[in-house]
Amino acid sequence: MRRREFIKIIAGSAAAWPLAAHTQQPPKPVIGFLRPTRAGDAGHLVAAVRQGLRESGYPSDKVAIEARWADGRTERLPKLAAELVALQVAAIVGSVEAALAAKAATTSIPIVFVTGADPVMAGLVSSISRPGGNITGVSFFDIPVVGKRLALLRELVPKAEIIAVLQHPNFSEHQTETREIETAARAIGQKIVTVKAGSEQEIDAAFSTIVQSGAGALLVHSGALPEPSDRVP
């Protein structure tokens, strides 16, 4: 290559550098998504977050989601929360257990929770009207009415000596729901049998158990089964 041609190439490249730097897009903000469940059990929730972001003017090309899953081992949540904090995510979205782990890991990154329990009793916020700190969210308060659902079901099917309770074991608040139902069952003298199903493959076996138990009615816990496309291979 001739010396004059080489200089032209370098000069042209140098002239383009400021333009490239000027047009370079800033990095996309990242939202941390933290759950105690498996990825396959909550893929629909990630899709819901993305849909909400799109509707708010933040499509996937403007914001990214970094998900962490504890695979049913809640003791892993503090480490996973620390990973998201180290990534300096813009916010962390999670269930009760996940939000508590994130709350312990950071006092500056915003934390958003969704729960059916009382967020004050769960230790998430100091009060409903003034949550304080860096954490906020939405509570549907459906856990406190779980016992009333059992009582209503008994009124609808008064001859049911046994009521089956179908439980999603990977639902983040299933233990709280279980305590509420057991307390309500003792209060009204209702015999219950609890059956677990955390996937579509377990549904048939669960209903076989329900039939064998002689249950005359069925109460279904909260929590959705994963869609086939959301299953972990």
Protein backbone atom coordinates (compact mmCIF):
# COMPACT_ATOMS: atom_id res chain seq x y z
CA MET A 1 0.00 0.00 0.00
CA ARG A 2 1.31 3.43 -0.89
CA ARG A 3 2.06 5.91 1.90
CA ARG A 4 -0.49 8.46 0.59
CA GLU A 5 -3.32 5.85 0.51
CA PHE A 6 -2.47 4.72 4.05
CA ILE A 7 -2.69 8.31 5.36
CA LYS A 8 -6.07 8.77 3.65
CA ILE A 9 -7.45 5.66 5.38
CA ILE A 10 -6.23 6.78 8.83
CA ALA A 11 -7.55 10.29 8.30
CA GLY A 12 -10.93 9.00 7.21
CA SER A 13 -11.17 6.71 10.22
CA ALA A 14 -10.18 9.49 12.61
CA ALA A 15 -12.82 11.75 11.13
CA ALA A 16 -15.46 9.09 11.78
CA TRP A 17 -14.52 8.52 15.45
CA PRO A 18 -16.25 11.62 16.87
CA LEU A 19 -19.39 10.83 14.85
CA ALA A 20 -19.46 7.23 16.17
CA ALA A 21 -18.98 8.44 19.73
CA HIS A 22 -21.71 11.00 19.29
CA THR A 23 -24.22 8.51 17.88
CA GLN A 24 -23.43 5.71 20.35
CA GLN A 25 -26.55 4.77 22.29
CA PRO A 26 -26.43 4.67 26.10
CA PRO A 27 -26.74 1.22 27.67
CA LYS A 28 -30.25 -0.06 28.27
CA PRO A 29 -31.50 0.00 31.86
CA VAL A 30 -31.79 -3.48 33.36
CA ILE A 31 -34.60 -4.67 35.63
CA GLY A 32 -33.81 -7.54 37.97
CA PHE A 33 -36.45 -10.27 38.27
CA LEU A 34 -36.07 -12.50 41.31
CA ARG A 35 -38.21 -15.53 42.18
CA PRO A 36 -37.91 -18.49 44.58
CA THR A 37 -39.39 -20.82 41.95
CA ARG A 38 -38.07 -22.49 38.81
CA ALA A 39 -37.96 -20.55 35.57
CA GLY A 40 -40.60 -22.81 34.05
CA ASP A 41 -43.04 -22.02 36.86
CA ALA A 42 -42.96 -18.27 36.37
CA GLY A 43 -42.24 -17.63 32.71
CA HIS A 44 -45.72 -16.17 32.38
CA LEU A 45 -44.83 -13.59 35.04
CA VAL A 46 -41.76 -12.43 33.10
CA ALA A 47 -43.97 -12.12 30.02
CA ALA A 48 -46.44 -10.05 32.05
CA VAL A 49 -43.66 -7.71 33.18
CA ARG A 50 -42.50 -7.27 29.60
CA GLN A 51 -46.06 -6.54 28.50
CA GLY A 52 -46.45 -3.94 31.23
CA LEU A 53 -43.19 -2.30 30.20
CA ARG A 54 -44.30 -2.18 26.56
CA GLU A 55 -47.60 -0.62 27.53
CA SER A 56 -45.69 1.99 29.53
CA GLY A 57 -43.48 2.88 26.57
CA TYR A 58 -40.53 0.63 27.40
CA PRO A 59 -40.30 -2.14 24.78
CA SER A 60 -37.54 -4.76 24.91
CA ASP A 61 -35.21 -2.59 22.83
CA LYS A 62 -35.30 0.08 25.55
CA VAL A 63 -35.06 -2.03 28.71
CA ALA A 64 -33.66 -5.47 29.54
CA ILE A 65 -34.71 -8.02 32.16
CA GLU A 66 -32.14 -10.02 34.11
CA ALA A 67 -33.84 -12.95 35.83
CA ARG A 68 -32.62 -15.06 38.74
CA TRP A 69 -34.36 -18.26 39.91
CA ALA A 70 -33.90 -20.08 43.20
CA ASP A 71 -35.43 -23.33 41.87
CA GLY A 72 -37.49 -23.83 45.00
CA ARG A 73 -34.54 -23.27 47.36
CA THR A 74 -35.31 -20.06 49.19
CA GLU A 75 -31.92 -20.16 50.93
CA ARG A 76 -30.39 -19.19 47.56
CA LEU A 77 -32.31 -15.91 47.35
CA PRO A 78 -29.81 -13.75 49.31
CA LYS A 79 -26.98 -14.75 46.95
CA LEU A 80 -29.12 -14.19 43.86
CA ALA A 81 -30.26 -10.81 45.18
CA ALA A 82 -26.62 -9.86 45.75
CA GLU A 83 -25.86 -10.78 42.12
CA LEU A 84 -28.54 -8.39 40.88
CA VAL A 85 -27.28 -5.65 43.16
CA ALA A 86 -23.75 -6.17 41.82
CA LEU A 87 -25.13 -5.73 38.29
CA GLN A 88 -26.48 -2.34 39.39
CA VAL A 89 -29.94 -3.06 38.03
CA ALA A 90 -32.38 -0.16 37.87
CA ALA A 91 -34.99 -2.01 39.97
CA ILE A 92 -35.75 -5.45 41.38
CA VAL A 93 -39.13 -7.15 40.99
CA GLY A 94 -40.03 -10.17 43.10
CA SER A 95 -42.37 -12.11 45.36
CA VAL A 96 -42.41 -11.78 49.15
CA GLU A 97 -39.37 -13.94 49.84
CA ALA A 98 -37.48 -12.43 46.92
CA ALA A 99 -38.33 -8.88 47.97
CA LEU A 100 -37.19 -9.58 51.53
CA ALA A 101 -33.86 -10.91 50.23
CA ALA A 102 -33.46 -7.86 47.98
CA LYS A 103 -34.38 -5.55 50.86
CA ALA A 104 -31.55 -7.05 52.91
CA ALA A 105 -29.14 -6.66 50.00
CA THR A 106 -29.73 -3.00 49.09
CA THR A 107 -31.16 0.18 50.52
CA SER A 108 -30.86 2.21 47.31
CA ILE A 109 -32.14 0.10 44.40
CA PRO A 110 -35.95 0.31 44.11
CA ILE A 111 -37.73 -2.96 44.95
CA VAL A 112 -41.23 -3.79 43.70
CA PHE A 113 -43.22 -6.71 45.12
CA VAL A 114 -46.54 -8.37 44.32
CA THR A 115 -48.21 -10.41 47.05
CA GLY A 116 -51.52 -11.71 48.26
CA ALA A 117 -50.42 -11.42 51.88
CA ASP A 118 -50.26 -8.44 54.22
CA PRO A 119 -46.97 -6.67 53.31
CA VAL A 120 -46.72 -5.18 56.82
CA MET A 121 -47.00 -8.56 58.54
CA ALA A 122 -44.57 -10.01 56.00
CA GLY A 123 -41.98 -7.41 57.01
CA LEU A 124 -41.82 -5.76 53.61
CA VAL A 125 -43.02 -2.28 54.59
CA SER A 126 -43.64 -0.36 57.80
CA SER A 127 -47.18 0.66 56.78
CA ILE A 128 -49.53 0.52 53.80
CA SER A 129 -49.94 4.27 53.41
CA ARG A 130 -46.26 5.07 54.02
CA PRO A 131 -44.14 2.07 53.02
CA GLY A 132 -40.89 4.02 53.40
CA GLY A 133 -37.41 3.04 52.26
CA ASN A 134 -36.74 1.75 48.77
CA ILE A 135 -39.54 -0.83 48.57
CA THR A 136 -43.11 -0.67 47.34
CA GLY A 137 -45.58 -2.89 45.58
CA VAL A 138 -49.06 -4.30 45.26
CA SER A 139 -50.99 -6.54 47.64
CA PHE A 140 -54.21 -8.26 46.64
CA PHE A 141 -54.92 -9.31 50.24
CA ASP A 142 -56.31 -12.64 49.06
CA ILE A 143 -54.46 -14.72 51.67
CA PRO A 144 -56.64 -13.46 54.57
CA VAL A 145 -59.80 -14.59 52.74
CA VAL A 146 -58.57 -18.11 51.99
CA GLY A 147 -60.24 -19.41 55.14
CA LYS A 148 -63.51 -17.75 54.12
CA ARG A 149 -63.31 -19.50 50.76
CA LEU A 150 -63.19 -22.84 52.59
CA ALA A 151 -66.18 -21.88 54.75
CA LEU A 152 -68.13 -20.77 51.67
CA LEU A 153 -67.32 -24.03 49.88
CA ARG A 154 -68.63 -25.98 52.86
CA GLU A 155 -71.88 -24.00 52.74
CA LEU A 156 -72.22 -24.78 49.03
CA VAL A 157 -71.49 -28.50 49.54
CA PRO A 158 -72.61 -29.19 53.13
CA LYS A 159 -72.57 -32.98 52.68
CA ALA A 160 -68.86 -33.07 51.79
CA GLU A 161 -67.23 -34.85 54.72
CA ILE A 162 -63.83 -34.30 53.12
CA ILE A 163 -62.72 -31.26 51.12
CA ALA A 164 -59.62 -31.67 48.98
CA VAL A 165 -57.17 -28.80 48.75
CA LEU A 166 -55.08 -28.68 45.56
CA GLN A 167 -51.80 -26.94 46.29
CA HIS A 168 -49.08 -25.61 43.99
CA PRO A 169 -45.92 -26.43 46.02
CA ASN A 170 -43.77 -23.94 44.12
CA PHE A 171 -46.14 -21.01 44.66
CA SER A 172 -44.24 -18.55 46.82
CA GLU A 173 -47.01 -18.13 49.39
CA HIS A 174 -48.40 -21.65 49.53
CA GLN A 175 -47.20 -22.19 53.10
CA THR A 176 -49.08 -19.11 54.29
CA GLU A 177 -52.20 -20.23 52.44
CA THR A 178 -51.87 -23.71 53.94
CA ARG A 179 -51.76 -22.32 57.48
CA GLU A 180 -54.84 -20.18 56.82
CA ILE A 181 -56.81 -23.10 55.41
CA GLU A 182 -55.79 -25.48 58.21
CA THR A 183 -56.77 -22.90 60.83
CA ALA A 184 -60.13 -22.34 59.16
CA ALA A 185 -60.73 -26.10 58.82
CA ARG A 186 -60.14 -26.64 62.55
CA ALA A 187 -62.43 -23.73 63.41
CA ILE A 188 -65.39 -25.17 61.50
CA GLY A 189 -64.58 -28.84 62.09
CA GLN A 190 -63.98 -29.62 58.42
CA LYS A 191 -61.76 -32.52 57.41
CA ILE A 192 -59.41 -31.67 54.52
CA VAL A 193 -56.86 -33.54 52.46
CA THR A 194 -54.05 -31.62 50.79
CA VAL A 195 -52.78 -32.72 47.39
CA LYS A 196 -49.84 -31.13 45.58
CA ALA A 197 -49.31 -30.56 41.86
CA GLY A 198 -46.56 -28.31 40.58
CA SER A 199 -46.67 -29.29 36.91
CA GLU A 200 -49.06 -30.58 34.28
CA GLN A 201 -47.51 -34.02 34.61
CA GLU A 202 -48.59 -34.18 38.27
CA ILE A 203 -52.22 -33.16 37.71
CA ASP A 204 -53.52 -36.64 36.81
CA ALA A 205 -51.91 -38.22 39.87
CA ALA A 206 -53.26 -35.42 42.07
CA PHE A 207 -56.84 -35.96 40.91
CA SER A 208 -56.50 -39.71 41.33
CA THR A 209 -55.53 -39.07 44.95
CA ILE A 210 -58.48 -36.71 45.38
CA VAL A 211 -60.90 -39.34 44.08
CA GLN A 212 -59.37 -42.06 46.28
CA SER A 213 -59.70 -39.82 49.34
CA GLY A 214 -63.45 -39.63 48.86
CA ALA A 215 -63.44 -35.82 48.77
CA GLY A 216 -66.79 -34.25 47.99
CA ALA A 217 -65.44 -30.83 47.03
CA LEU A 218 -62.22 -29.22 45.84
CA LEU A 219 -60.54 -25.96 46.89
CA VAL A 220 -57.74 -24.81 44.61
CA HIS A 221 -54.80 -22.83 45.99
CA SER A 222 -53.33 -19.80 44.24
CA GLY A 223 -50.55 -20.16 41.69
CA ALA A 224 -50.60 -20.97 37.98
CA LEU A 225 -49.13 -24.02 36.31
CA PRO A 226 -46.43 -23.22 33.73
CA GLU A 227 -47.38 -23.09 30.09
CA PRO A 228 -45.80 -25.83 27.96
CA SER A 229 -43.48 -23.29 26.31
CA ASP A 230 -42.27 -22.14 29.72
CA ARG A 231 -41.12 -25.51 30.96
CA VAL A 232 -37.47 -26.11 31.68
CA PRO A 233 -36.12 -28.77 29.29
